[in-house]
Every structure is written in structure tokens, then in C-alpha cells.
């Protein structure tokens, strides 16, 4: 697997080149996602299949979460801001921090999130999924209803509303937590897991994603991280992932 990881991890580039390439890549990702066919009938059929699976596994908790959320105005505002901003602010900041302060881990982490995002885009284009706000009776999309973040009219014109699986809100949040936990030696580093946990609760409570979408987001990030060379022990041993003298990341195959 080390050979595969070496192939997938392209080298760290100058800051401007990284910034421009990531910006162009995200622009293309957004455009392709927006222009993907909105197959409404199929997306509703897939949604009912997801609900059946969640109910069978005892994971269908979106309704009580949403009910609890809408009873607390401050939580509605918090969740709306979190959903609309954290996804687009925290991830670039973590990328920039890695490039500047953990250069030896940057190529692995950057390559993993790029691969995860491209993989998710394939699913969005081929397996549309209507979110809970369209399918589950009695839930309220608090993000779209909250004018402090979204305009009530026209917001749907800028997103593909049938691309719920996997949840990259959750996937990217997990990637951010992994980035911190894997390269920081402080025992406090595990507090970073609160970010994906909070994000999972937010995307589910606001009726924008199913819990299975969060599972999907986790898988779509975990697999590229593993392929790029990250192993489970790197997340639990503070001395496991360290830079080599030449500045490259030391990745040892799992025992």
C-alpha cells in the first residue's frame, strides 16, 4: 500500500500554485455539482430507501432532532451559521495551516481530501438523493428558513438540492479533525473531534442530511486517507506521525 500512497500523494507546491489549483478545482466541483441532472423521481426513491435502512438500523432520529432544534431560536441561528459557513471556512484554514506549519504532512492530507471530493462528485452525478426536508413529513429546513444566512427566494438556484449523499459537510469536518489529531502532539488535540460531531448533529437537525449521509461522508474521507498512507495508530499515538529529516512525512505500513 505504500506504493499506492506514494502515487496518490503529489508533492507540495508553492503557495500560490496550491491556492490557484485548489480554487479552480473547487470551482469546477461546484459547477459540475450544480449542473448535474436533477433526477427528482430517482432522488425521492433513493431517499425512501435510505429511510428504510435507517429505520431498520435504528438510526432514524432526524425528526426529534429537528423538533428540538426549532423550539430553540438560538440553536436555529447557531445551526444556520454553522451549516452555511464552517464548511467553507474551517477546511481552507486547516489546509493553509498544514501548508505553513506541517509541510511534511500537507501532500498526504491535501491529496486525500481532493480524492474524497472527486469521489463524492461522482455519486452526486450518478445517485441523486433528496434530503430529509423534501421527504420526511413534519420537518423544517431551518437553514433555508433563516434569513440571517440565506435569502428565502433564489437560494436553490445556486446548489444541487438532490446531492445529499455523501455529506461533505461531515466528510470535510472529519478530515479537519484527522488533520489536527494526526500531526499535533498535545493531548488536547482530540477535542478536534467535536467539530465533526457538531457538524453531524447540525446537518441532521436542520433536515439537510440523513445520518447515513454522515456515514457516507466518513467513508468517502477515510478511504482516501488510508490509501494516501494514514493509519489508525497515527490518530491515537502522538509520536506515530512525525517528519523525517528531509521534510517528508514518515508513513509506516500498518503492523
C-alpha atoms as a PDB file:
ATOM      1  CA  UNK A   1       0.000   0.000   0.000  1.00  0.00           C
ATOM      2  CA  UNK A   2       2.989   2.330   0.452  1.00  0.00           C
ATOM      3  CA  UNK A   3       3.479   2.356  -3.308  1.00  0.00           C
ATOM      4  CA  UNK A   4      -0.155   3.337  -3.830  1.00  0.00           C
ATOM      5  CA  UNK A   5       0.158   6.091  -1.245  1.00  0.00           C
ATOM      6  CA  UNK A   6       3.291   7.451  -2.888  1.00  0.00           C
ATOM      7  CA  UNK A   7       1.498   7.531  -6.229  1.00  0.00           C
ATOM      8  CA  UNK A   8      -1.539   9.339  -4.839  1.00  0.00           C
ATOM      9  CA  UNK A   9       0.393  11.914  -2.816  1.00  0.00           C
ATOM     10  CA  UNK A  10       1.629  14.534  -5.254  1.00  0.00           C
ATOM     11  CA  UNK A  11       4.243  16.876  -3.897  1.00  0.00           C
ATOM     12  CA  UNK A  12       3.600  20.096  -2.050  1.00  0.00           C
ATOM     13  CA  UNK A  13       3.617  23.013  -4.489  1.00  0.00           C
ATOM     14  CA  UNK A  14       4.341  26.725  -3.945  1.00  0.00           C
ATOM     15  CA  UNK A  15       1.602  28.506  -2.026  1.00  0.00           C
ATOM     16  CA  UNK A  16       0.259  30.476  -4.989  1.00  0.00           C
ATOM     17  CA  UNK A  17       0.129  27.386  -7.191  1.00  0.00           C
ATOM     18  CA  UNK A  18      -1.648  25.408  -4.474  1.00  0.00           C
ATOM     19  CA  UNK A  19      -4.097  28.255  -3.882  1.00  0.00           C
ATOM     20  CA  UNK A  20      -4.933  28.711  -7.567  1.00  0.00           C
ATOM     21  CA  UNK A  21      -5.221  24.976  -8.275  1.00  0.00           C
ATOM     22  CA  UNK A  22      -7.462  24.365  -5.255  1.00  0.00           C
ATOM     23  CA  UNK A  23      -9.590  27.377  -6.167  1.00  0.00           C
ATOM     24  CA  UNK A  24     -10.008  26.201  -9.757  1.00  0.00           C
ATOM     25  CA  UNK A  25     -10.691  22.663  -8.580  1.00  0.00           C
ATOM     26  CA  UNK A  26     -13.372  23.774  -6.149  1.00  0.00           C
ATOM     27  CA  UNK A  27     -14.929  25.997  -8.805  1.00  0.00           C
ATOM     28  CA  UNK A  28     -15.141  23.068 -11.220  1.00  0.00           C
ATOM     29  CA  UNK A  29     -16.504  20.837  -8.467  1.00  0.00           C
ATOM     30  CA  UNK A  30     -19.240  23.372  -7.658  1.00  0.00           C
ATOM     31  CA  UNK A  31     -20.091  23.824 -11.329  1.00  0.00           C
ATOM     32  CA  UNK A  32     -20.324  20.109 -12.053  1.00  0.00           C
ATOM     33  CA  UNK A  33     -22.399  19.531  -8.933  1.00  0.00           C
ATOM     34  CA  UNK A  34     -24.750  22.355  -9.869  1.00  0.00           C
ATOM     35  CA  UNK A  35     -25.130  21.174 -13.473  1.00  0.00           C
ATOM     36  CA  UNK A  36     -25.618  17.505 -12.571  1.00  0.00           C
ATOM     37  CA  UNK A  37     -29.059  16.313 -13.716  1.00  0.00           C
ATOM     38  CA  UNK A  38     -31.734  16.893 -11.068  1.00  0.00           C
ATOM     39  CA  UNK A  39     -33.376  13.467 -11.339  1.00  0.00           C
ATOM     40  CA  UNK A  40     -36.178  14.181  -8.902  1.00  0.00           C
ATOM     41  CA  UNK A  41     -38.071  10.894  -9.158  1.00  0.00           C
ATOM     42  CA  UNK A  42     -34.929   8.827  -8.646  1.00  0.00           C
ATOM     43  CA  UNK A  43     -33.794  11.057  -5.778  1.00  0.00           C
ATOM     44  CA  UNK A  44     -37.074  10.516  -3.928  1.00  0.00           C
ATOM     45  CA  UNK A  45     -36.906   6.762  -4.475  1.00  0.00           C
ATOM     46  CA  UNK A  46     -33.376   6.720  -3.107  1.00  0.00           C
ATOM     47  CA  UNK A  47     -34.493   8.816  -0.131  1.00  0.00           C
ATOM     48  CA  UNK A  48     -37.162   6.306   0.816  1.00  0.00           C
ATOM     49  CA  UNK A  49     -34.593   3.516   0.521  1.00  0.00           C
ATOM     50  CA  UNK A  50     -32.253   5.423   2.853  1.00  0.00           C
ATOM     51  CA  UNK A  51     -35.090   5.954   5.333  1.00  0.00           C
ATOM     52  CA  UNK A  52     -35.880   2.232   5.262  1.00  0.00           C
ATOM     53  CA  UNK A  53     -32.265   1.401   6.040  1.00  0.00           C
ATOM     54  CA  UNK A  54     -32.085   3.957   8.853  1.00  0.00           C
ATOM     55  CA  UNK A  55     -35.278   2.652  10.420  1.00  0.00           C
ATOM     56  CA  UNK A  56     -34.037  -0.918  10.174  1.00  0.00           C
ATOM     57  CA  UNK A  57     -30.770   0.055  11.875  1.00  0.00           C
ATOM     58  CA  UNK A  58     -32.415   2.270  14.490  1.00  0.00           C
ATOM     59  CA  UNK A  59     -30.742   5.389  13.065  1.00  0.00           C
ATOM     60  CA  UNK A  60     -33.812   7.402  12.146  1.00  0.00           C
ATOM     61  CA  UNK A  61     -33.559  10.308  14.603  1.00  0.00           C
ATOM     62  CA  UNK A  62     -33.782  13.283  12.248  1.00  0.00           C
ATOM     63  CA  UNK A  63     -37.360  14.203  13.223  1.00  0.00           C
ATOM     64  CA  UNK A  64     -36.873  14.506  17.016  1.00  0.00           C
ATOM     65  CA  UNK A  65     -33.623  16.422  16.441  1.00  0.00           C
ATOM     66  CA  UNK A  66     -35.359  18.837  14.106  1.00  0.00           C
ATOM     67  CA  UNK A  67     -38.281  19.233  16.516  1.00  0.00           C
ATOM     68  CA  UNK A  68     -35.899  20.033  19.357  1.00  0.00           C
ATOM     69  CA  UNK A  69     -33.971  22.494  17.198  1.00  0.00           C
ATOM     70  CA  UNK A  70     -36.910  24.597  16.064  1.00  0.00           C
ATOM     71  CA  UNK A  71     -38.030  25.068  19.693  1.00  0.00           C
ATOM     72  CA  UNK A  72     -34.817  26.995  20.460  1.00  0.00           C
ATOM     73  CA  UNK A  73     -34.261  30.122  18.394  1.00  0.00           C
ATOM     74  CA  UNK A  74     -30.618  30.499  19.407  1.00  0.00           C
ATOM     75  CA  UNK A  75     -29.932  26.952  18.223  1.00  0.00           C
ATOM     76  CA  UNK A  76     -31.630  27.708  14.912  1.00  0.00           C
ATOM     77  CA  UNK A  77     -29.380  30.726  14.361  1.00  0.00           C
ATOM     78  CA  UNK A  78     -26.267  28.853  15.508  1.00  0.00           C
ATOM     79  CA  UNK A  79     -27.018  25.863  13.276  1.00  0.00           C
ATOM     80  CA  UNK A  80     -27.772  28.043  10.273  1.00  0.00           C
ATOM     81  CA  UNK A  81     -24.497  29.918  10.575  1.00  0.00           C
ATOM     82  CA  UNK A  82     -22.596  26.697  11.240  1.00  0.00           C
ATOM     83  CA  UNK A  83     -24.084  24.942   8.217  1.00  0.00           C
ATOM     84  CA  UNK A  84     -23.537  27.883   5.887  1.00  0.00           C
ATOM     85  CA  UNK A  85     -20.049  28.974   6.941  1.00  0.00           C
ATOM     86  CA  UNK A  86     -17.977  26.388   8.836  1.00  0.00           C
ATOM     87  CA  UNK A  87     -17.808  24.078   5.826  1.00  0.00           C
ATOM     88  CA  UNK A  88     -16.222  26.807   3.698  1.00  0.00           C
ATOM     89  CA  UNK A  89     -14.048  28.498   6.334  1.00  0.00           C
ATOM     90  CA  UNK A  90     -12.527  25.814   8.551  1.00  0.00           C
ATOM     91  CA  UNK A  91     -11.348  23.493   5.774  1.00  0.00           C
ATOM     92  CA  UNK A  92      -9.313  26.142   3.867  1.00  0.00           C
ATOM     93  CA  UNK A  93      -7.850  27.367   7.160  1.00  0.00           C
ATOM     94  CA  UNK A  94      -6.711  23.850   8.076  1.00  0.00           C
ATOM     95  CA  UNK A  95      -5.220  23.398   4.601  1.00  0.00           C
ATOM     96  CA  UNK A  96      -3.332  26.676   4.928  1.00  0.00           C
ATOM     97  CA  UNK A  97      -2.140  25.741   8.414  1.00  0.00           C
ATOM     98  CA  UNK A  98      -0.852  22.393   7.162  1.00  0.00           C
ATOM     99  CA  UNK A  99       0.960  24.034   4.244  1.00  0.00           C
ATOM    100  CA  UNK A 100       2.634  26.574   6.517  1.00  0.00           C
ATOM    101  CA  UNK A 101       3.281  24.631   9.723  1.00  0.00           C
ATOM    102  CA  UNK A 102       3.087  20.915   8.835  1.00  0.00           C
ATOM    103  CA  UNK A 103       4.586  20.827   5.338  1.00  0.00           C
ATOM    104  CA  UNK A 104       5.671  17.215   5.794  1.00  0.00           C
ATOM    105  CA  UNK A 105       2.012  16.105   6.122  1.00  0.00           C
ATOM    106  CA  UNK A 106       0.440  18.517   3.646  1.00  0.00           C
ATOM    107  CA  UNK A 107       0.679  16.450   0.454  1.00  0.00           C
ATOM    108  CA  UNK A 108      -0.954  13.430   2.072  1.00  0.00           C
ATOM    109  CA  UNK A 109      -3.809  15.405   3.613  1.00  0.00           C
ATOM    110  CA  UNK A 110      -4.409  17.598   0.562  1.00  0.00           C
ATOM    111  CA  UNK A 111      -4.394  14.635  -1.809  1.00  0.00           C
ATOM    112  CA  UNK A 112      -6.825  12.726   0.401  1.00  0.00           C
ATOM    113  CA  UNK A 113      -9.424  15.494   0.525  1.00  0.00           C
ATOM    114  CA  UNK A 114      -9.179  16.073  -3.229  1.00  0.00           C
ATOM    115  CA  UNK A 115      -9.735  12.368  -3.941  1.00  0.00           C
ATOM    116  CA  UNK A 116     -12.635  12.243  -1.463  1.00  0.00           C
ATOM    117  CA  UNK A 117     -14.306  15.257  -3.048  1.00  0.00           C
ATOM    118  CA  UNK A 118     -13.965  13.916  -6.587  1.00  0.00           C
ATOM    119  CA  UNK A 119     -15.389  10.573  -5.464  1.00  0.00           C
ATOM    120  CA  UNK A 120     -18.350  12.311  -3.842  1.00  0.00           C
ATOM    121  CA  UNK A 121     -18.967  14.273  -7.027  1.00  0.00           C
ATOM    122  CA  UNK A 122     -19.310  11.020  -8.975  1.00  0.00           C
ATOM    123  CA  UNK A 123     -22.002   9.874  -6.548  1.00  0.00           C
ATOM    124  CA  UNK A 124     -23.825  13.207  -6.761  1.00  0.00           C
ATOM    125  CA  UNK A 125     -23.962  12.894 -10.537  1.00  0.00           C
ATOM    126  CA  UNK A 126     -24.992   9.240 -10.658  1.00  0.00           C
ATOM    127  CA  UNK A 127     -27.013   8.602  -7.479  1.00  0.00           C
ATOM    128  CA  UNK A 128     -29.181  11.621  -6.580  1.00  0.00           C
ATOM    129  CA  UNK A 129     -30.718  11.722  -3.128  1.00  0.00           C
ATOM    130  CA  UNK A 130     -33.434  14.065  -1.904  1.00  0.00           C
ATOM    131  CA  UNK A 131     -32.677  15.431   1.583  1.00  0.00           C
ATOM    132  CA  UNK A 132     -34.994  14.901   4.583  1.00  0.00           C
ATOM    133  CA  UNK A 133     -36.584  18.348   4.175  1.00  0.00           C
ATOM    134  CA  UNK A 134     -38.194  17.133   0.939  1.00  0.00           C
ATOM    135  CA  UNK A 135     -39.248  13.661   2.030  1.00  0.00           C
ATOM    136  CA  UNK A 136     -39.787  13.430   5.774  1.00  0.00           C
ATOM    137  CA  UNK A 137     -43.142  14.835   6.957  1.00  0.00           C
ATOM    138  CA  UNK A 138     -43.071  17.330   9.790  1.00  0.00           C
ATOM    139  CA  UNK A 139     -39.501  18.629   9.484  1.00  0.00           C
ATOM    140  CA  UNK A 140     -38.423  22.210   8.811  1.00  0.00           C
ATOM    141  CA  UNK A 141     -35.375  23.264   6.814  1.00  0.00           C
ATOM    142  CA  UNK A 142     -34.136  25.803   9.342  1.00  0.00           C
ATOM    143  CA  UNK A 143     -31.236  26.906   7.137  1.00  0.00           C
ATOM    144  CA  UNK A 144     -33.400  27.964   4.215  1.00  0.00           C
ATOM    145  CA  UNK A 145     -35.985  29.450   6.577  1.00  0.00           C
ATOM    146  CA  UNK A 146     -33.463  31.541   8.465  1.00  0.00           C
ATOM    147  CA  UNK A 147     -32.973  34.915   6.720  1.00  0.00           C
ATOM    148  CA  UNK A 148     -29.766  35.705   8.624  1.00  0.00           C
ATOM    149  CA  UNK A 149     -27.935  33.312   6.308  1.00  0.00           C
ATOM    150  CA  UNK A 150     -29.956  32.573   3.203  1.00  0.00           C
ATOM    151  CA  UNK A 151     -32.343  34.613   1.124  1.00  0.00           C
ATOM    152  CA  UNK A 152     -35.692  32.899   1.242  1.00  0.00           C
ATOM    153  CA  UNK A 153     -36.028  33.114  -2.515  1.00  0.00           C
ATOM    154  CA  UNK A 154     -33.472  32.007  -5.053  1.00  0.00           C
ATOM    155  CA  UNK A 155     -31.048  30.087  -2.836  1.00  0.00           C
ATOM    156  CA  UNK A 156     -31.955  26.836  -4.561  1.00  0.00           C
ATOM    157  CA  UNK A 157     -30.665  28.258  -7.850  1.00  0.00           C
ATOM    158  CA  UNK A 158     -27.079  28.022  -6.583  1.00  0.00           C
ATOM    159  CA  UNK A 159     -26.997  24.459  -5.274  1.00  0.00           C
ATOM    160  CA  UNK A 160     -27.967  20.965  -6.328  1.00  0.00           C
ATOM    161  CA  UNK A 161     -30.651  20.122  -3.799  1.00  0.00           C
ATOM    162  CA  UNK A 162     -30.591  16.426  -4.711  1.00  0.00           C
ATOM    163  CA  UNK A 163     -26.965  15.761  -3.717  1.00  0.00           C
ATOM    164  CA  UNK A 164     -27.296  14.677  -0.100  1.00  0.00           C
ATOM    165  CA  UNK A 165     -25.148  11.519  -0.173  1.00  0.00           C
ATOM    166  CA  UNK A 166     -22.398  11.617   0.926  1.00  0.00           C
ATOM    167  CA  UNK A 167     -22.402  14.609   3.259  1.00  0.00           C
ATOM    168  CA  UNK A 168     -19.188  16.503   2.556  1.00  0.00           C
ATOM    169  CA  UNK A 169     -20.091  18.848   5.396  1.00  0.00           C
ATOM    170  CA  UNK A 170     -19.392  15.860   7.640  1.00  0.00           C
ATOM    171  CA  UNK A 171     -16.646  14.405   5.458  1.00  0.00           C
ATOM    172  CA  UNK A 172     -14.630  17.612   5.355  1.00  0.00           C
ATOM    173  CA  UNK A 173     -15.170  18.138   9.094  1.00  0.00           C
ATOM    174  CA  UNK A 174     -13.768  14.665   9.785  1.00  0.00           C
ATOM    175  CA  UNK A 175     -10.825  15.444   7.501  1.00  0.00           C
ATOM    176  CA  UNK A 176     -10.128  18.612   9.524  1.00  0.00           C
ATOM    177  CA  UNK A 177     -10.229  16.682  12.801  1.00  0.00           C
ATOM    178  CA  UNK A 178      -7.955  13.970  11.435  1.00  0.00           C
ATOM    179  CA  UNK A 179      -5.502  16.603  10.197  1.00  0.00           C
ATOM    180  CA  UNK A 180      -5.237  18.069  13.680  1.00  0.00           C
ATOM    181  CA  UNK A 181      -5.172  14.794  15.598  1.00  0.00           C
ATOM    182  CA  UNK A 182      -2.593  13.167  13.317  1.00  0.00           C
ATOM    183  CA  UNK A 183       0.007  15.936  13.392  1.00  0.00           C
ATOM    184  CA  UNK A 184      -0.432  17.677  16.755  1.00  0.00           C
ATOM    185  CA  UNK A 185       1.155  16.063  19.816  1.00  0.00           C
ATOM    186  CA  UNK A 186      -0.857  17.798  22.524  1.00  0.00           C
ATOM    187  CA  UNK A 187      -3.258  15.569  24.482  1.00  0.00           C
ATOM    188  CA  UNK A 188      -5.875  18.270  23.852  1.00  0.00           C
ATOM    189  CA  UNK A 189      -5.799  17.509  20.118  1.00  0.00           C
ATOM    190  CA  UNK A 190      -8.699  15.062  20.441  1.00  0.00           C
ATOM    191  CA  UNK A 191     -11.043  17.961  21.137  1.00  0.00           C
ATOM    192  CA  UNK A 192     -10.926  18.392  17.353  1.00  0.00           C
ATOM    193  CA  UNK A 193     -13.408  15.506  17.105  1.00  0.00           C
ATOM    194  CA  UNK A 194     -16.061  17.859  18.479  1.00  0.00           C
ATOM    195  CA  UNK A 195     -16.069  19.608  15.104  1.00  0.00           C
ATOM    196  CA  UNK A 196     -17.352  16.639  13.021  1.00  0.00           C
ATOM    197  CA  UNK A 197     -19.653  15.604  15.882  1.00  0.00           C
ATOM    198  CA  UNK A 198     -21.262  19.040  15.970  1.00  0.00           C
ATOM    199  CA  UNK A 199     -21.441  19.148  12.175  1.00  0.00           C
ATOM    200  CA  UNK A 200     -23.200  15.782  12.059  1.00  0.00           C
ATOM    201  CA  UNK A 201     -25.811  16.972  14.551  1.00  0.00           C
ATOM    202  CA  UNK A 202     -26.269  20.254  12.662  1.00  0.00           C
ATOM    203  CA  UNK A 203     -26.742  18.774   9.182  1.00  0.00           C
ATOM    204  CA  UNK A 204     -29.192  16.205  10.541  1.00  0.00           C
ATOM    205  CA  UNK A 205     -31.142  18.532  12.832  1.00  0.00           C
ATOM    206  CA  UNK A 206     -31.567  21.133  10.066  1.00  0.00           C
ATOM    207  CA  UNK A 207     -33.137  18.452   7.814  1.00  0.00           C
ATOM    208  CA  UNK A 208     -30.422  18.776   5.183  1.00  0.00           C
ATOM    209  CA  UNK A 209     -28.896  15.327   5.586  1.00  0.00           C
ATOM    210  CA  UNK A 210     -29.665  11.858   6.874  1.00  0.00           C
ATOM    211  CA  UNK A 211     -27.414  10.178   9.400  1.00  0.00           C
ATOM    212  CA  UNK A 212     -26.493   7.731   6.647  1.00  0.00           C
ATOM    213  CA  UNK A 213     -25.188  10.711   4.649  1.00  0.00           C
ATOM    214  CA  UNK A 214     -22.819  11.371   7.541  1.00  0.00           C
ATOM    215  CA  UNK A 215     -21.701   7.748   7.436  1.00  0.00           C
ATOM    216  CA  UNK A 216     -21.154   8.120   3.702  1.00  0.00           C
ATOM    217  CA  UNK A 217     -19.111  11.278   4.221  1.00  0.00           C
ATOM    218  CA  UNK A 218     -16.969   9.456   6.770  1.00  0.00           C
ATOM    219  CA  UNK A 219     -16.275   6.571   4.406  1.00  0.00           C
ATOM    220  CA  UNK A 220     -15.518   8.842   1.457  1.00  0.00           C
ATOM    221  CA  UNK A 221     -12.836  10.606   3.507  1.00  0.00           C
ATOM    222  CA  UNK A 222     -11.498   7.618   5.451  1.00  0.00           C
ATOM    223  CA  UNK A 223     -10.707   5.518   2.377  1.00  0.00           C
ATOM    224  CA  UNK A 224      -8.562   8.171   0.605  1.00  0.00           C
ATOM    225  CA  UNK A 225      -6.768   8.931   3.870  1.00  0.00           C
ATOM    226  CA  UNK A 226      -5.920   5.259   4.234  1.00  0.00           C
ATOM    227  CA  UNK A 227      -4.876   4.941   0.591  1.00  0.00           C
ATOM    228  CA  UNK A 228      -2.660   8.006   0.947  1.00  0.00           C
ATOM    229  CA  UNK A 229      -0.848   6.438   3.869  1.00  0.00           C
ATOM    230  CA  UNK A 230      -2.630   7.374   7.094  1.00  0.00           C
ATOM    231  CA  UNK A 231      -3.156   4.515   9.530  1.00  0.00           C
ATOM    232  CA  UNK A 232      -5.377   4.237  12.596  1.00  0.00           C
ATOM    233  CA  UNK A 233      -2.448   4.341  15.005  1.00  0.00           C
ATOM    234  CA  UNK A 234      -1.482   7.778  13.670  1.00  0.00           C
ATOM    235  CA  UNK A 235      -4.644   9.099  15.306  1.00  0.00           C
ATOM    236  CA  UNK A 236      -4.025   7.638  18.756  1.00  0.00           C
ATOM    237  CA  UNK A 237      -0.253   7.759  19.215  1.00  0.00           C
ATOM    238  CA  UNK A 238       1.104  11.286  19.442  1.00  0.00           C
ATOM    239  CA  UNK A 239       4.557  10.158  18.287  1.00  0.00           C
ATOM    240  CA  UNK A 240       3.423   7.967  15.378  1.00  0.00           C
ATOM    241  CA  UNK A 241       3.259  10.553  12.603  1.00  0.00           C
ATOM    242  CA  UNK A 242       6.449  12.626  12.618  1.00  0.00           C
ATOM    243  CA  UNK A 243       8.520  14.366   9.943  1.00  0.00           C
ATOM    244  CA  UNK A 244      11.616  12.737   8.520  1.00  0.00           C
ATOM    245  CA  UNK A 245      14.840  14.770   8.364  1.00  0.00           C
ATOM    246  CA  UNK A 246      14.285  15.606   4.695  1.00  0.00           C
ATOM    247  CA  UNK A 247      10.874  17.082   5.491  1.00  0.00           C
ATOM    248  CA  UNK A 248       8.760  14.278   4.084  1.00  0.00           C
ATOM    249  CA  UNK A 249       6.040  12.582   6.074  1.00  0.00           C
ATOM    250  CA  UNK A 250       7.076   9.332   7.741  1.00  0.00           C
ATOM    251  CA  UNK A 251       4.444   6.762   6.909  1.00  0.00           C
ATOM    252  CA  UNK A 252       4.938   3.231   8.114  1.00  0.00           C
ATOM    253  CA  UNK A 253       2.686   0.460   6.893  1.00  0.00           C
ATOM    254  CA  UNK A 254       0.335  -0.966   9.453  1.00  0.00           C
ATOM    255  CA  UNK A 255       1.722  -3.783  11.526  1.00  0.00           C
END
